[in-house]
Amino acid sequence: MEGRVANRPKAGEATPVKAALTVADTAAQELLLSALLERFAHVQLEAEEDTPTAARFAGSGDSVVVVDPIDGTLRFYLEGLGPYSIMAGLAIRGCYQAAVVALPRERLYFDAVLGAGARVADGDEPARAARAEADGRRVLISHDLPGRAVEVLLAHGYQVAPASGGAISVAPLVPGVRAGLRWVSAGSVSTRGRIGTLIAAEAGALVCDGSGEPFVRDIRAQAGALLVAADLEDLAALRAAVAAISSG
């Protein structure tokens, strides 16, 4: 459906990014929820869109399935600014236990279960173990990352590329990408934006907040930045970029 659908913005949203909606979002979510319903009908559901199957989840207990059918609809799916993503995660008592992130344009499909490592499938190839690597010079960043932070990354010799939050969360697992920096101008990294952090951590990446501390596992905790890197040198550069925003 990519390239053949139009934006039909949702009413009442604060920004065009949050309002963006296409028939692809709702169709993809219905496909995801229909599959999830077979195993997880008893759990709570936190879905990005209001589609018919969402009402069929029981919504009780301490387990929640979080779904984002197209992460980055406006900038990345419709405008093609960078990789968009499709995500689903299972959280129990506020922490992700299993996660899936797909980057359809790149034909990459990542998944992980807590304590069991992460996997990646490239196109139709069988899934294999995924490991974070400092590969290439690209860093995936939020599309609205302030210029001061971008300048710091460029000064360190990196190439910056905007990407959806889901892609950023698994950045060091993507070929040619060594790190990711998610920055939120107001509020916090969303529960959906945290799904890929489980995959990155299980693949051996450093997953931190803006201060360089380990990113909190509680999906409801406040966090204004997400830093994902394969090594300490890259993490230090990401921290310097975040610090430049505060000092500016």
C-alpha atoms as a PDB file:
ATOM      1  CA  MET A   1       0.000   0.000   0.000  1.00  0.00           C
ATOM      2  CA  GLU A   2       3.001   2.302   0.376  1.00  0.00           C
ATOM      3  CA  GLY A   3       2.907   5.126  -2.146  1.00  0.00           C
ATOM      4  CA  ARG A   4      -0.794   4.552  -2.866  1.00  0.00           C
ATOM      5  CA  VAL A   5      -2.465   5.954   0.260  1.00  0.00           C
ATOM      6  CA  ALA A   6      -3.244   9.485   1.432  1.00  0.00           C
ATOM      7  CA  ASN A   7      -2.971  11.131   4.816  1.00  0.00           C
ATOM      8  CA  ARG A   8      -6.359  11.539   6.525  1.00  0.00           C
ATOM      9  CA  PRO A   9      -5.385  13.296   9.770  1.00  0.00           C
ATOM     10  CA  LYS A  10      -7.103  12.457  13.050  1.00  0.00           C
ATOM     11  CA  ALA A  11      -8.986  15.323  14.677  1.00  0.00           C
ATOM     12  CA  GLY A  12      -7.975  16.726  18.039  1.00  0.00           C
ATOM     13  CA  GLU A  13      -4.261  15.904  17.935  1.00  0.00           C
ATOM     14  CA  ALA A  14      -1.694  18.510  18.961  1.00  0.00           C
ATOM     15  CA  THR A  15       0.666  18.179  15.985  1.00  0.00           C
ATOM     16  CA  PRO A  16       0.542  16.997  12.356  1.00  0.00           C
ATOM     17  CA  VAL A  17       2.886  14.144  13.288  1.00  0.00           C
ATOM     18  CA  LYS A  18       0.473  12.811  15.935  1.00  0.00           C
ATOM     19  CA  ALA A  19      -2.537  13.409  13.700  1.00  0.00           C
ATOM     20  CA  ALA A  20      -1.198  11.540  10.664  1.00  0.00           C
ATOM     21  CA  LEU A  21      -3.311   8.535   9.726  1.00  0.00           C
ATOM     22  CA  THR A  22      -3.704   6.408   6.594  1.00  0.00           C
ATOM     23  CA  VAL A  23      -5.740   3.376   5.642  1.00  0.00           C
ATOM     24  CA  ALA A  24      -2.436   1.486   5.823  1.00  0.00           C
ATOM     25  CA  ASP A  25      -2.201   2.221   9.580  1.00  0.00           C
ATOM     26  CA  THR A  26      -5.648   0.822  10.306  1.00  0.00           C
ATOM     27  CA  ALA A  27      -5.317  -2.149   7.949  1.00  0.00           C
ATOM     28  CA  ALA A  28      -1.923  -3.090   9.387  1.00  0.00           C
ATOM     29  CA  GLN A  29      -3.232  -2.807  12.934  1.00  0.00           C
ATOM     30  CA  GLU A  30      -6.196  -5.068  12.189  1.00  0.00           C
ATOM     31  CA  LEU A  31      -3.830  -7.701  10.773  1.00  0.00           C
ATOM     32  CA  LEU A  32      -1.628  -7.486  13.868  1.00  0.00           C
ATOM     33  CA  LEU A  33      -4.525  -7.595  16.318  1.00  0.00           C
ATOM     34  CA  SER A  34      -6.206 -10.525  14.567  1.00  0.00           C
ATOM     35  CA  ALA A  35      -3.008 -12.544  14.988  1.00  0.00           C
ATOM     36  CA  LEU A  36      -2.438 -11.399  18.582  1.00  0.00           C
ATOM     37  CA  LEU A  37      -6.025 -12.199  19.553  1.00  0.00           C
ATOM     38  CA  GLU A  38      -5.371 -15.915  19.134  1.00  0.00           C
ATOM     39  CA  ARG A  39      -2.871 -15.933  22.021  1.00  0.00           C
ATOM     40  CA  PHE A  40      -3.401 -12.739  23.982  1.00  0.00           C
ATOM     41  CA  ALA A  41      -7.158 -12.065  24.105  1.00  0.00           C
ATOM     42  CA  HIS A  42      -7.010 -12.005  27.917  1.00  0.00           C
ATOM     43  CA  VAL A  43      -4.526  -9.124  28.216  1.00  0.00           C
ATOM     44  CA  GLN A  44      -4.883  -5.380  28.162  1.00  0.00           C
ATOM     45  CA  LEU A  45      -4.255  -3.721  24.818  1.00  0.00           C
ATOM     46  CA  GLU A  46      -2.564  -0.413  24.133  1.00  0.00           C
ATOM     47  CA  ALA A  47      -2.935   0.174  20.392  1.00  0.00           C
ATOM     48  CA  GLU A  48      -2.061   3.283  18.414  1.00  0.00           C
ATOM     49  CA  GLU A  49      -5.289   3.342  16.395  1.00  0.00           C
ATOM     50  CA  ASP A  50      -8.972   2.812  17.182  1.00  0.00           C
ATOM     51  CA  THR A  51      -9.864  -0.221  15.067  1.00  0.00           C
ATOM     52  CA  PRO A  52     -12.670  -2.789  15.525  1.00  0.00           C
ATOM     53  CA  THR A  53     -10.595  -5.708  16.835  1.00  0.00           C
ATOM     54  CA  ALA A  54      -9.145  -3.569  19.650  1.00  0.00           C
ATOM     55  CA  ALA A  55     -12.431  -3.890  21.558  1.00  0.00           C
ATOM     56  CA  ARG A  56     -12.121  -7.681  21.685  1.00  0.00           C
ATOM     57  CA  PHE A  57      -9.219  -7.725  24.159  1.00  0.00           C
ATOM     58  CA  ALA A  58     -10.369  -8.409  27.732  1.00  0.00           C
ATOM     59  CA  GLY A  59      -8.246  -5.732  29.364  1.00  0.00           C
ATOM     60  CA  SER A  60      -7.540  -7.312  32.755  1.00  0.00           C
ATOM     61  CA  GLY A  61      -4.486  -8.441  34.720  1.00  0.00           C
ATOM     62  CA  ASP A  62      -0.933  -7.128  34.781  1.00  0.00           C
ATOM     63  CA  SER A  63      -0.073  -7.938  31.152  1.00  0.00           C
ATOM     64  CA  VAL A  64      -0.402  -5.496  28.270  1.00  0.00           C
ATOM     65  CA  VAL A  65       0.240  -5.799  24.548  1.00  0.00           C
ATOM     66  CA  VAL A  66       1.457  -2.540  22.977  1.00  0.00           C
ATOM     67  CA  VAL A  67       1.095  -2.115  19.209  1.00  0.00           C
ATOM     68  CA  ASP A  68       2.134   0.547  16.712  1.00  0.00           C
ATOM     69  CA  PRO A  69       1.128  -0.530  13.178  1.00  0.00           C
ATOM     70  CA  ILE A  70       3.155   2.194  11.439  1.00  0.00           C
ATOM     71  CA  ASP A  71       5.561   4.204  13.537  1.00  0.00           C
ATOM     72  CA  GLY A  72       6.452   7.444  11.780  1.00  0.00           C
ATOM     73  CA  THR A  73       3.427   7.664   9.472  1.00  0.00           C
ATOM     74  CA  LEU A  74       3.888  11.276   8.358  1.00  0.00           C
ATOM     75  CA  ARG A  75       7.640  11.809   8.101  1.00  0.00           C
ATOM     76  CA  PHE A  76       8.801   8.298   7.295  1.00  0.00           C
ATOM     77  CA  TYR A  77       5.971   6.309   5.711  1.00  0.00           C
ATOM     78  CA  LEU A  78       4.342   9.072   3.670  1.00  0.00           C
ATOM     79  CA  GLU A  79       7.251  11.475   3.142  1.00  0.00           C
ATOM     80  CA  GLY A  80       9.964   8.804   2.953  1.00  0.00           C
ATOM     81  CA  LEU A  81      12.365  10.788   5.154  1.00  0.00           C
ATOM     82  CA  GLY A  82      13.871   7.601   6.599  1.00  0.00           C
ATOM     83  CA  PRO A  83      12.955   4.126   7.847  1.00  0.00           C
ATOM     84  CA  TYR A  84       9.490   3.696   9.335  1.00  0.00           C
ATOM     85  CA  SER A  85       8.746   0.745  11.613  1.00  0.00           C
ATOM     86  CA  ILE A  86       6.078  -1.682  12.792  1.00  0.00           C
ATOM     87  CA  MET A  87       6.164  -2.705  16.454  1.00  0.00           C
ATOM     88  CA  ALA A  88       4.526  -4.944  19.017  1.00  0.00           C
ATOM     89  CA  GLY A  89       5.578  -5.661  22.581  1.00  0.00           C
ATOM     90  CA  LEU A  90       4.324  -7.669  25.554  1.00  0.00           C
ATOM     91  CA  ALA A  91       4.813  -6.026  28.946  1.00  0.00           C
ATOM     92  CA  ILE A  92       4.200  -7.781  32.256  1.00  0.00           C
ATOM     93  CA  ARG A  93       4.095  -5.745  35.447  1.00  0.00           C
ATOM     94  CA  GLY A  94       5.268  -2.689  33.552  1.00  0.00           C
ATOM     95  CA  CYS A  95       8.324  -4.174  31.822  1.00  0.00           C
ATOM     96  CA  TYR A  96       8.684  -5.550  28.311  1.00  0.00           C
ATOM     97  CA  GLN A  97       9.201  -9.298  28.186  1.00  0.00           C
ATOM     98  CA  ALA A  98       8.956  -9.805  24.420  1.00  0.00           C
ATOM     99  CA  ALA A  99       9.222  -7.455  21.453  1.00  0.00           C
ATOM    100  CA  VAL A 100       9.067  -7.333  17.664  1.00  0.00           C
ATOM    101  CA  VAL A 101      10.262  -4.456  15.460  1.00  0.00           C
ATOM    102  CA  ALA A 102      10.104  -4.586  11.662  1.00  0.00           C
ATOM    103  CA  LEU A 103      11.716  -2.154   9.224  1.00  0.00           C
ATOM    104  CA  PRO A 104       9.792  -3.014   6.036  1.00  0.00           C
ATOM    105  CA  ARG A 105      11.767  -0.911   3.538  1.00  0.00           C
ATOM    106  CA  GLU A 106      15.009  -2.409   4.795  1.00  0.00           C
ATOM    107  CA  ARG A 107      13.437  -5.892   4.919  1.00  0.00           C
ATOM    108  CA  LEU A 108      14.682  -6.350   8.476  1.00  0.00           C
ATOM    109  CA  TYR A 109      12.677  -8.064  11.204  1.00  0.00           C
ATOM    110  CA  PHE A 110      13.916  -8.068  14.804  1.00  0.00           C
ATOM    111  CA  ASP A 111      12.538  -9.886  17.831  1.00  0.00           C
ATOM    112  CA  ALA A 112      13.608 -10.702  21.366  1.00  0.00           C
ATOM    113  CA  VAL A 113      12.446 -12.381  24.552  1.00  0.00           C
ATOM    114  CA  LEU A 114      13.844 -11.182  27.867  1.00  0.00           C
ATOM    115  CA  GLY A 115      16.851 -13.291  28.820  1.00  0.00           C
ATOM    116  CA  ALA A 116      16.844 -15.266  25.565  1.00  0.00           C
ATOM    117  CA  GLY A 117      18.747 -12.922  23.251  1.00  0.00           C
ATOM    118  CA  ALA A 118      17.643 -11.112  20.093  1.00  0.00           C
ATOM    119  CA  ARG A 119      17.171 -12.323  16.530  1.00  0.00           C
ATOM    120  CA  VAL A 120      17.089 -10.709  13.103  1.00  0.00           C
ATOM    121  CA  ALA A 121      15.664 -11.958   9.815  1.00  0.00           C
ATOM    122  CA  ASP A 122      16.740 -10.314   6.578  1.00  0.00           C
ATOM    123  CA  GLY A 123      13.980 -10.587   4.015  1.00  0.00           C
ATOM    124  CA  ASP A 124      12.975 -14.205   3.574  1.00  0.00           C
ATOM    125  CA  GLU A 125      16.133 -15.573   5.206  1.00  0.00           C
ATOM    126  CA  PRO A 126      15.825 -17.624   8.433  1.00  0.00           C
ATOM    127  CA  ALA A 127      16.178 -15.679  11.677  1.00  0.00           C
ATOM    128  CA  ARG A 128      19.652 -15.592  13.229  1.00  0.00           C
ATOM    129  CA  ALA A 129      21.171 -14.172  16.395  1.00  0.00           C
ATOM    130  CA  ALA A 130      21.391 -10.380  16.340  1.00  0.00           C
ATOM    131  CA  ARG A 131      24.322  -8.472  17.833  1.00  0.00           C
ATOM    132  CA  ALA A 132      24.852  -4.734  18.156  1.00  0.00           C
ATOM    133  CA  GLU A 133      27.835  -3.559  16.120  1.00  0.00           C
ATOM    134  CA  ALA A 134      29.588  -0.205  15.621  1.00  0.00           C
ATOM    135  CA  ASP A 135      29.154  -0.529  11.859  1.00  0.00           C
ATOM    136  CA  GLY A 136      29.550   2.347   9.387  1.00  0.00           C
ATOM    137  CA  ARG A 137      29.313   6.017  10.367  1.00  0.00           C
ATOM    138  CA  ARG A 138      25.561   6.594  10.378  1.00  0.00           C
ATOM    139  CA  VAL A 139      23.592   7.594  13.464  1.00  0.00           C
ATOM    140  CA  LEU A 140      19.804   7.470  13.332  1.00  0.00           C
ATOM    141  CA  ILE A 141      18.214  10.544  14.950  1.00  0.00           C
ATOM    142  CA  SER A 142      14.804  12.054  15.646  1.00  0.00           C
ATOM    143  CA  HIS A 143      13.658  14.217  12.738  1.00  0.00           C
ATOM    144  CA  ASP A 144      13.378  17.253  15.033  1.00  0.00           C
ATOM    145  CA  LEU A 145      16.657  16.797  16.916  1.00  0.00           C
ATOM    146  CA  PRO A 146      17.911  20.356  17.623  1.00  0.00           C
ATOM    147  CA  GLY A 147      20.659  21.686  15.375  1.00  0.00           C
ATOM    148  CA  ARG A 148      23.116  22.012  18.278  1.00  0.00           C
ATOM    149  CA  ALA A 149      22.989  18.263  18.843  1.00  0.00           C
ATOM    150  CA  VAL A 150      23.315  17.527  15.135  1.00  0.00           C
ATOM    151  CA  GLU A 151      26.402  19.748  14.965  1.00  0.00           C
ATOM    152  CA  VAL A 152      28.042  17.793  17.784  1.00  0.00           C
ATOM    153  CA  LEU A 153      27.453  14.485  16.005  1.00  0.00           C
ATOM    154  CA  LEU A 154      28.787  15.855  12.717  1.00  0.00           C
ATOM    155  CA  ALA A 155      31.862  17.199  14.511  1.00  0.00           C
ATOM    156  CA  HIS A 156      32.514  13.674  15.794  1.00  0.00           C
ATOM    157  CA  GLY A 157      32.582  12.447  12.208  1.00  0.00           C
ATOM    158  CA  TYR A 158      29.175  10.799  12.113  1.00  0.00           C
ATOM    159  CA  GLN A 159      26.616  10.911   9.329  1.00  0.00           C
ATOM    160  CA  VAL A 160      23.145  11.655  10.686  1.00  0.00           C
ATOM    161  CA  ALA A 161      19.949  10.207   9.230  1.00  0.00           C
ATOM    162  CA  PRO A 162      16.400  10.852  10.497  1.00  0.00           C
ATOM    163  CA  ALA A 163      14.379   7.766  11.389  1.00  0.00           C
ATOM    164  CA  SER A 164      11.259   6.666  13.206  1.00  0.00           C
ATOM    165  CA  GLY A 165      11.500   5.955  16.916  1.00  0.00           C
ATOM    166  CA  GLY A 166      11.271   2.219  16.357  1.00  0.00           C
ATOM    167  CA  ALA A 167      14.206   2.264  13.958  1.00  0.00           C
ATOM    168  CA  ILE A 168      16.253   4.396  16.345  1.00  0.00           C
ATOM    169  CA  SER A 169      15.643   1.951  19.192  1.00  0.00           C
ATOM    170  CA  VAL A 170      17.374  -0.868  17.262  1.00  0.00           C
ATOM    171  CA  ALA A 171      19.870   1.340  15.393  1.00  0.00           C
ATOM    172  CA  PRO A 172      23.132  -0.540  16.186  1.00  0.00           C
ATOM    173  CA  LEU A 173      21.577  -3.732  14.837  1.00  0.00           C
ATOM    174  CA  VAL A 174      20.941  -2.191  11.396  1.00  0.00           C
ATOM    175  CA  PRO A 175      23.715  -2.680   8.801  1.00  0.00           C
ATOM    176  CA  GLY A 176      25.721   0.506   8.277  1.00  0.00           C
ATOM    177  CA  VAL A 177      24.332   2.135  11.431  1.00  0.00           C
ATOM    178  CA  ARG A 178      26.292   2.361  14.664  1.00  0.00           C
ATOM    179  CA  ALA A 179      24.019   4.289  17.064  1.00  0.00           C
ATOM    180  CA  GLY A 180      20.670   5.996  17.584  1.00  0.00           C
ATOM    181  CA  LEU A 181      19.492   9.117  19.402  1.00  0.00           C
ATOM    182  CA  ARG A 182      15.809   9.649  20.190  1.00  0.00           C
ATOM    183  CA  TRP A 183      14.981  13.068  21.633  1.00  0.00           C
ATOM    184  CA  VAL A 184      11.565  14.262  22.775  1.00  0.00           C
ATOM    185  CA  SER A 185      11.037  18.022  22.841  1.00  0.00           C
ATOM    186  CA  ALA A 186       8.130  17.821  25.285  1.00  0.00           C
ATOM    187  CA  GLY A 187       6.970  14.904  27.392  1.00  0.00           C
ATOM    188  CA  SER A 188       8.585  11.495  27.364  1.00  0.00           C
ATOM    189  CA  VAL A 189       9.539   8.616  25.082  1.00  0.00           C
ATOM    190  CA  SER A 190       6.237   6.775  24.607  1.00  0.00           C
ATOM    191  CA  THR A 191       5.499   3.215  25.669  1.00  0.00           C
ATOM    192  CA  ARG A 192       5.513   2.280  21.971  1.00  0.00           C
ATOM    193  CA  GLY A 193       8.854   4.007  21.435  1.00  0.00           C
ATOM    194  CA  ARG A 194      10.409   1.739  24.103  1.00  0.00           C
ATOM    195  CA  ILE A 195       9.483  -1.590  22.514  1.00  0.00           C
ATOM    196  CA  GLY A 196      12.759  -1.900  20.621  1.00  0.00           C
ATOM    197  CA  THR A 197      14.874  -1.207  23.716  1.00  0.00           C
ATOM    198  CA  LEU A 198      14.381  -4.817  24.820  1.00  0.00           C
ATOM    199  CA  ILE A 199      15.680  -6.045  21.456  1.00  0.00           C
ATOM    200  CA  ALA A 200      18.686  -3.712  21.537  1.00  0.00           C
ATOM    201  CA  ALA A 201      19.586  -4.689  25.102  1.00  0.00           C
ATOM    202  CA  GLU A 202      19.248  -8.413  24.354  1.00  0.00           C
ATOM    203  CA  ALA A 203      21.560  -7.879  21.364  1.00  0.00           C
ATOM    204  CA  GLY A 204      24.245  -6.397  23.625  1.00  0.00           C
ATOM    205  CA  ALA A 205      23.700  -2.693  22.909  1.00  0.00           C
ATOM    206  CA  LEU A 206      24.115   0.049  25.486  1.00  0.00           C
ATOM    207  CA  VAL A 207      20.618   1.440  26.064  1.00  0.00           C
ATOM    208  CA  CYS A 208      20.670   4.625  28.126  1.00  0.00           C
ATOM    209  CA  ASP A 209      18.832   7.827  28.968  1.00  0.00           C
ATOM    210  CA  GLY A 210      20.161  11.308  28.225  1.00  0.00           C
ATOM    211  CA  SER A 211      22.501  11.247  31.212  1.00  0.00           C
ATOM    212  CA  GLY A 212      24.083   7.961  30.189  1.00  0.00           C
ATOM    213  CA  GLU A 213      22.324   5.940  32.879  1.00  0.00           C
ATOM    214  CA  PRO A 214      20.718   2.621  31.906  1.00  0.00           C
ATOM    215  CA  PHE A 215      17.335   3.298  30.339  1.00  0.00           C
ATOM    216  CA  VAL A 216      14.614   2.553  32.884  1.00  0.00           C
ATOM    217  CA  ARG A 217      12.694  -0.635  32.107  1.00  0.00           C
ATOM    218  CA  ASP A 218       9.366   0.639  33.493  1.00  0.00           C
ATOM    219  CA  ILE A 219       7.373   1.499  30.369  1.00  0.00           C
ATOM    220  CA  ARG A 220       5.556   4.345  32.161  1.00  0.00           C
ATOM    221  CA  ALA A 221       8.645   6.074  33.585  1.00  0.00           C
ATOM    222  CA  GLN A 222       9.560   9.523  32.284  1.00  0.00           C
ATOM    223  CA  ALA A 223      12.486   9.731  29.866  1.00  0.00           C
ATOM    224  CA  GLY A 224      13.158  12.627  27.514  1.00  0.00           C
ATOM    225  CA  ALA A 225      15.889  10.921  25.512  1.00  0.00           C
ATOM    226  CA  LEU A 226      16.891   7.433  24.393  1.00  0.00           C
ATOM    227  CA  LEU A 227      20.508   6.652  23.495  1.00  0.00           C
ATOM    228  CA  VAL A 228      21.405   3.337  21.845  1.00  0.00           C
ATOM    229  CA  ALA A 229      25.001   2.461  20.980  1.00  0.00           C
ATOM    230  CA  ALA A 230      27.249  -0.528  20.450  1.00  0.00           C
ATOM    231  CA  ASP A 231      30.237   0.867  22.356  1.00  0.00           C
ATOM    232  CA  LEU A 232      31.200   3.433  24.988  1.00  0.00           C
ATOM    233  CA  GLU A 233      32.827   5.820  22.506  1.00  0.00           C
ATOM    234  CA  ASP A 234      29.614   6.227  20.549  1.00  0.00           C
ATOM    235  CA  LEU A 235      27.597   6.518  23.755  1.00  0.00           C
ATOM    236  CA  ALA A 236      29.847   9.377  24.890  1.00  0.00           C
ATOM    237  CA  ALA A 237      29.239  11.203  21.603  1.00  0.00           C
ATOM    238  CA  LEU A 238      25.487  10.784  21.988  1.00  0.00           C
ATOM    239  CA  ARG A 239      25.666  12.138  25.528  1.00  0.00           C
ATOM    240  CA  ALA A 240      27.650  15.142  24.292  1.00  0.00           C
ATOM    241  CA  ALA A 241      24.934  15.812  21.724  1.00  0.00           C
ATOM    242  CA  VAL A 242      22.223  15.731  24.380  1.00  0.00           C
ATOM    243  CA  ALA A 243      24.296  17.968  26.647  1.00  0.00           C
ATOM    244  CA  ALA A 244      24.570  20.505  23.828  1.00  0.00           C
ATOM    245  CA  ILE A 245      20.782  20.820  23.791  1.00  0.00           C
ATOM    246  CA  SER A 246      20.673  21.611  27.500  1.00  0.00           C
ATOM    247  CA  SER A 247      23.593  24.041  27.388  1.00  0.00           C
ATOM    248  CA  GLY A 248      22.092  25.915  24.443  1.00  0.00           C
END
